[in-house]
Amino acid sequence: MSGSGLKAISIATVITLIIGFGLVFFWTPMDADQGFKQKIFYVHVPLSVVALAGFIAGGVEGVRHLRSNNSRHDLNSYVFIHLSVVFGVGALLTGAIWAKASWGHWWVWDEPTLVSFLIVFLLYCTYYPFRYAIEDRNRQARYASVFAITAGAFVPLNFMAVRMADTIIHPRVFATSEGGLPASMLFTFLVCLLGIGLLWLTLVKLEQLGKRTSGQVSRLRRALDADPGRRGSVGGRIAPSGEVR
């Protein structure tokens, strides 16, 4: 844990989230239109932003894997996408709660922002069956990297298309032409965004550590099964594994 910086990042995550949520409930003013239910904004939007950024990062790691054929980059791409899908679930759930509280409906199909995020989320949900439908690990990693790159390139294109849409219900709170967020709300949002980002990074490092530890144990077991007489010397020769299992 100390080698991966997991402990330090975990502490930073907890502190940042406590500060962020403290600001949300005790410092930021109530929204003039939505009142207290607007507070979910500080969780919903950071979850969405971090999930989309994680998808793009998974595509970048896919490029690095195809260029180097290093299994570590394939592992990173898998973990980034996996946890971004989890954060995407959180974004959809909090968005549905907010929609029900504000609009009286759990979902609004003519809202481009909601539908576009759902499309991206469902696209990445196909990553798992696509990946594990291929038994050969080398082909599996290469095809998964191609998927990650293609889907990752779709994310910003989809975002730009939504921003160009004429009919949009979501308020564009960061647009300066419309006044934007008050300074206190913007500061609180940035703290919460940092906290959610650190949470994502903490979970990434935790899952990477688990995958590599599992790989080391599997390699050690295979080595011991192959040559039981050398159990005392095998442990020092086991290299960290970057295979996704």
Protein backbone atom coordinates (compact mmCIF):
# COMPACT_ATOMS: atom_id res chain seq x y z
CA MET A 1 0.00 0.00 0.00
CA SER A 2 2.78 2.41 0.84
CA GLY A 3 4.53 1.73 -2.46
CA SER A 4 1.48 2.66 -4.50
CA GLY A 5 0.73 5.76 -2.40
CA LEU A 6 -2.68 4.31 -1.57
CA LYS A 7 -2.61 5.30 2.09
CA ALA A 8 -1.76 8.96 1.40
CA ILE A 9 -4.34 9.27 -1.37
CA SER A 10 -7.00 7.63 0.81
CA ILE A 11 -6.38 10.12 3.61
CA ALA A 12 -6.48 13.04 1.15
CA THR A 13 -9.74 11.70 -0.28
CA VAL A 14 -11.46 11.47 3.10
CA ILE A 15 -10.32 14.95 4.14
CA THR A 16 -11.35 16.54 0.84
CA LEU A 17 -14.78 14.90 0.83
CA ILE A 18 -15.43 15.91 4.45
CA ILE A 19 -14.50 19.50 3.65
CA GLY A 20 -16.56 19.47 0.45
CA PHE A 21 -19.71 18.09 2.02
CA GLY A 22 -19.26 20.38 4.99
CA LEU A 23 -19.25 23.33 2.60
CA VAL A 24 -22.31 21.93 0.81
CA PHE A 25 -24.46 21.69 3.93
CA PHE A 26 -23.14 24.52 6.11
CA TRP A 27 -21.72 27.22 3.84
CA THR A 28 -23.20 27.37 0.35
CA PRO A 29 -26.49 29.25 0.06
CA MET A 30 -29.76 27.63 -0.90
CA ASP A 31 -30.61 27.77 -4.58
CA ALA A 32 -33.26 30.42 -5.23
CA ASP A 33 -35.38 28.12 -7.44
CA GLN A 34 -34.81 24.58 -6.18
CA GLY A 35 -33.91 25.09 -2.55
CA PHE A 36 -32.30 22.22 -0.64
CA LYS A 37 -32.76 19.60 -3.38
CA GLN A 38 -30.22 21.47 -5.50
CA LYS A 39 -27.51 20.25 -3.09
CA ILE A 40 -27.37 16.94 -4.98
CA PHE A 41 -25.71 18.92 -7.77
CA TYR A 42 -22.43 18.74 -5.83
CA VAL A 43 -22.46 14.94 -6.07
CA HIS A 44 -24.22 14.31 -9.37
CA VAL A 45 -22.13 16.56 -11.59
CA PRO A 46 -18.71 15.53 -10.17
CA LEU A 47 -19.67 11.86 -10.59
CA SER A 48 -20.59 12.53 -14.22
CA VAL A 49 -17.44 14.53 -14.96
CA VAL A 50 -15.11 12.01 -13.33
CA ALA A 51 -16.81 9.08 -15.07
CA LEU A 52 -16.43 10.70 -18.50
CA ALA A 53 -12.83 11.67 -17.78
CA GLY A 54 -12.13 8.10 -16.69
CA PHE A 55 -13.54 6.75 -19.96
CA ILE A 56 -11.22 9.02 -21.92
CA ALA A 57 -8.27 8.00 -19.71
CA GLY A 58 -9.10 4.37 -20.48
CA GLY A 59 -8.82 5.18 -24.18
CA VAL A 60 -5.43 6.84 -23.64
CA GLU A 61 -4.19 3.72 -21.85
CA GLY A 62 -5.53 1.67 -24.76
CA VAL A 63 -3.32 3.68 -27.14
CA ARG A 64 -0.33 3.13 -24.88
CA HIS A 65 -1.02 -0.59 -24.78
CA LEU A 66 -1.20 -0.94 -28.56
CA ARG A 67 2.03 1.02 -28.95
CA SER A 68 4.03 -0.82 -26.30
CA ASN A 69 2.20 -4.15 -25.92
CA ASN A 70 2.75 -3.71 -22.19
CA SER A 71 0.07 -5.55 -20.23
CA ARG A 72 0.25 -2.93 -17.49
CA HIS A 73 -1.46 -0.41 -19.77
CA ASP A 74 -4.17 -2.93 -20.59
CA LEU A 75 -4.72 -3.39 -16.86
CA ASN A 76 -4.94 0.39 -16.38
CA SER A 77 -7.43 0.72 -19.24
CA TYR A 78 -9.62 -2.03 -17.78
CA VAL A 79 -9.57 -0.58 -14.26
CA PHE A 80 -10.23 2.98 -15.48
CA ILE A 81 -13.25 1.86 -17.50
CA HIS A 82 -14.54 -0.46 -14.80
CA LEU A 83 -14.58 2.20 -12.09
CA SER A 84 -15.90 4.86 -14.48
CA VAL A 85 -18.87 2.58 -15.20
CA VAL A 86 -19.45 2.32 -11.44
CA PHE A 87 -19.30 6.11 -11.13
CA GLY A 88 -21.63 6.32 -14.12
CA VAL A 89 -24.19 4.26 -12.22
CA GLY A 90 -23.90 6.75 -9.36
CA ALA A 91 -24.35 9.66 -11.77
CA LEU A 92 -27.47 8.12 -13.31
CA LEU A 93 -29.01 7.35 -9.91
CA THR A 94 -28.36 10.81 -8.47
CA GLY A 95 -29.56 12.36 -11.73
CA ALA A 96 -32.81 10.40 -11.54
CA ILE A 97 -33.34 11.51 -7.93
CA TRP A 98 -32.69 15.12 -8.87
CA ALA A 99 -35.00 14.87 -11.89
CA LYS A 100 -37.81 13.44 -9.78
CA ALA A 101 -37.40 16.19 -7.18
CA SER A 102 -37.18 19.03 -9.74
CA TRP A 103 -39.28 17.91 -12.70
CA GLY A 104 -41.59 15.30 -11.14
CA HIS A 105 -40.27 12.54 -13.40
CA TRP A 106 -37.46 10.03 -12.87
CA TRP A 107 -36.35 10.46 -16.49
CA VAL A 108 -36.93 12.94 -19.31
CA TRP A 109 -36.27 11.42 -22.73
CA ASP A 110 -36.21 14.71 -24.64
CA GLU A 111 -33.30 16.05 -22.55
CA PRO A 112 -30.09 15.65 -24.64
CA THR A 113 -27.72 15.70 -21.65
CA LEU A 114 -29.47 12.81 -19.91
CA VAL A 115 -29.90 10.68 -23.02
CA SER A 116 -26.35 11.25 -24.26
CA PHE A 117 -24.85 10.21 -20.94
CA LEU A 118 -27.04 7.10 -20.93
CA ILE A 119 -25.82 6.24 -24.44
CA VAL A 120 -22.19 6.57 -23.37
CA PHE A 121 -22.86 4.49 -20.25
CA LEU A 122 -24.59 1.69 -22.20
CA LEU A 123 -21.78 1.73 -24.75
CA TYR A 124 -19.23 1.05 -22.04
CA CYS A 125 -21.43 -1.62 -20.49
CA THR A 126 -20.76 -3.67 -23.64
CA TYR A 127 -17.02 -3.54 -22.86
CA TYR A 128 -17.25 -6.49 -20.47
CA PRO A 129 -19.05 -9.05 -22.68
CA PHE A 130 -16.95 -7.89 -25.65
CA ARG A 131 -13.70 -8.39 -23.76
CA TYR A 132 -14.47 -11.71 -22.13
CA ALA A 133 -15.97 -13.21 -25.28
CA ILE A 134 -12.34 -13.54 -26.47
CA GLU A 135 -10.46 -16.36 -24.76
CA ASP A 136 -6.93 -15.65 -26.02
CA ARG A 137 -5.46 -13.09 -23.61
CA ASN A 138 -3.30 -11.28 -26.18
CA ARG A 139 -6.15 -10.85 -28.66
CA GLN A 140 -8.48 -9.96 -25.79
CA ALA A 141 -6.17 -7.15 -24.66
CA ARG A 142 -5.67 -5.79 -28.19
CA TYR A 143 -9.36 -5.79 -29.09
CA ALA A 144 -10.28 -4.29 -25.72
CA SER A 145 -7.76 -1.50 -26.34
CA VAL A 146 -9.29 -0.78 -29.75
CA PHE A 147 -12.73 -0.63 -28.12
CA ALA A 148 -11.43 1.72 -25.39
CA ILE A 149 -9.86 4.04 -27.97
CA THR A 150 -12.94 4.16 -30.20
CA ALA A 151 -15.38 4.67 -27.33
CA GLY A 152 -13.06 7.19 -25.66
CA ALA A 153 -12.99 9.28 -28.84
CA PHE A 154 -16.80 9.19 -28.92
CA VAL A 155 -17.10 10.79 -25.45
CA PRO A 156 -15.90 14.35 -26.36
CA LEU A 157 -17.71 14.21 -29.70
CA ASN A 158 -20.92 13.32 -27.91
CA PHE A 159 -20.36 16.12 -25.39
CA MET A 160 -19.85 18.71 -28.15
CA ALA A 161 -23.01 17.54 -29.93
CA VAL A 162 -25.02 17.99 -26.73
CA ARG A 163 -23.62 21.47 -26.16
CA MET A 164 -24.74 22.44 -29.66
CA ALA A 165 -28.29 21.20 -29.10
CA ASP A 166 -31.01 23.87 -29.28
CA THR A 167 -33.42 22.20 -26.85
CA ILE A 168 -31.81 21.59 -23.50
CA ILE A 169 -33.37 21.53 -20.06
CA HIS A 170 -30.19 21.28 -18.02
CA PRO A 171 -29.04 24.72 -16.86
CA ARG A 172 -25.64 25.69 -18.17
CA VAL A 173 -24.38 26.89 -14.84
CA PHE A 174 -20.80 27.43 -15.98
CA ALA A 175 -21.70 29.71 -18.86
CA THR A 176 -20.55 33.23 -18.06
CA SER A 177 -23.08 34.73 -20.47
CA GLU A 178 -25.82 33.43 -18.18
CA GLY A 179 -24.22 34.62 -14.99
CA GLY A 180 -22.79 31.26 -13.92
CA LEU A 181 -22.53 29.99 -10.35
CA PRO A 182 -21.95 32.35 -7.43
CA ALA A 183 -18.38 32.24 -6.15
CA SER A 184 -19.27 30.22 -3.04
CA MET A 185 -21.12 27.57 -5.06
CA LEU A 186 -18.35 27.36 -7.65
CA PHE A 187 -15.67 26.94 -4.98
CA THR A 188 -17.69 24.24 -3.24
CA PHE A 189 -18.29 22.46 -6.53
CA LEU A 190 -14.57 22.44 -7.31
CA VAL A 191 -13.76 21.02 -3.86
CA CYS A 192 -16.38 18.28 -4.34
CA LEU A 193 -15.07 17.59 -7.84
CA LEU A 194 -11.57 17.21 -6.42
CA GLY A 195 -12.89 14.89 -3.70
CA ILE A 196 -14.77 12.67 -6.16
CA GLY A 197 -11.73 12.63 -8.42
CA LEU A 198 -9.52 11.54 -5.53
CA LEU A 199 -12.08 8.87 -4.62
CA TRP A 200 -11.89 7.52 -8.17
CA LEU A 201 -8.09 7.54 -8.02
CA THR A 202 -8.10 5.77 -4.64
CA LEU A 203 -10.37 3.03 -5.95
CA VAL A 204 -8.24 2.73 -9.10
CA LYS A 205 -5.09 2.16 -7.05
CA LEU A 206 -6.89 -0.25 -4.76
CA GLU A 207 -8.16 -2.36 -7.66
CA GLN A 208 -4.78 -2.25 -9.41
CA LEU A 209 -3.14 -3.47 -6.21
CA GLY A 210 -5.67 -6.28 -5.92
CA LYS A 211 -5.23 -7.35 -9.55
CA ARG A 212 -1.43 -7.34 -9.33
CA THR A 213 -1.44 -9.21 -6.03
CA SER A 214 -3.80 -11.81 -7.48
CA GLY A 215 -1.52 -12.15 -10.50
CA GLN A 216 1.53 -12.63 -8.31
CA VAL A 217 -0.21 -15.31 -6.26
CA SER A 218 -1.35 -17.15 -9.42
CA ARG A 219 2.15 -17.07 -10.90
CA LEU A 220 3.67 -18.26 -7.63
CA ARG A 221 1.16 -21.11 -7.39
CA ARG A 222 1.90 -22.22 -10.96
CA ALA A 223 5.63 -22.08 -10.29
CA LEU A 224 5.29 -24.15 -7.13
CA ASP A 225 3.09 -26.70 -8.85
CA ALA A 226 5.62 -27.01 -11.66
CA ASP A 227 8.65 -27.40 -9.37
CA PRO A 228 7.72 -28.11 -5.71
CA GLY A 229 11.37 -28.64 -4.79
CA ARG A 230 12.28 -24.99 -5.32
CA ARG A 231 9.67 -23.36 -3.05
CA GLY A 232 12.29 -21.49 -1.09
CA SER A 233 13.63 -19.58 -4.09
CA VAL A 234 10.58 -18.95 -6.25
CA GLY A 235 9.12 -16.04 -4.29
CA GLY A 236 11.94 -13.63 -5.11
CA ARG A 237 11.58 -14.19 -8.85
CA ILE A 238 7.89 -13.48 -9.26
CA ALA A 239 7.33 -10.30 -11.28
CA PRO A 240 4.22 -8.16 -10.84
CA SER A 241 1.54 -9.21 -13.26
CA GLY A 242 -0.45 -6.79 -15.33
CA GLU A 243 -2.92 -9.33 -16.63
CA VAL A 244 -6.63 -8.65 -16.25
CA ARG A 245 -8.40 -11.70 -14.84
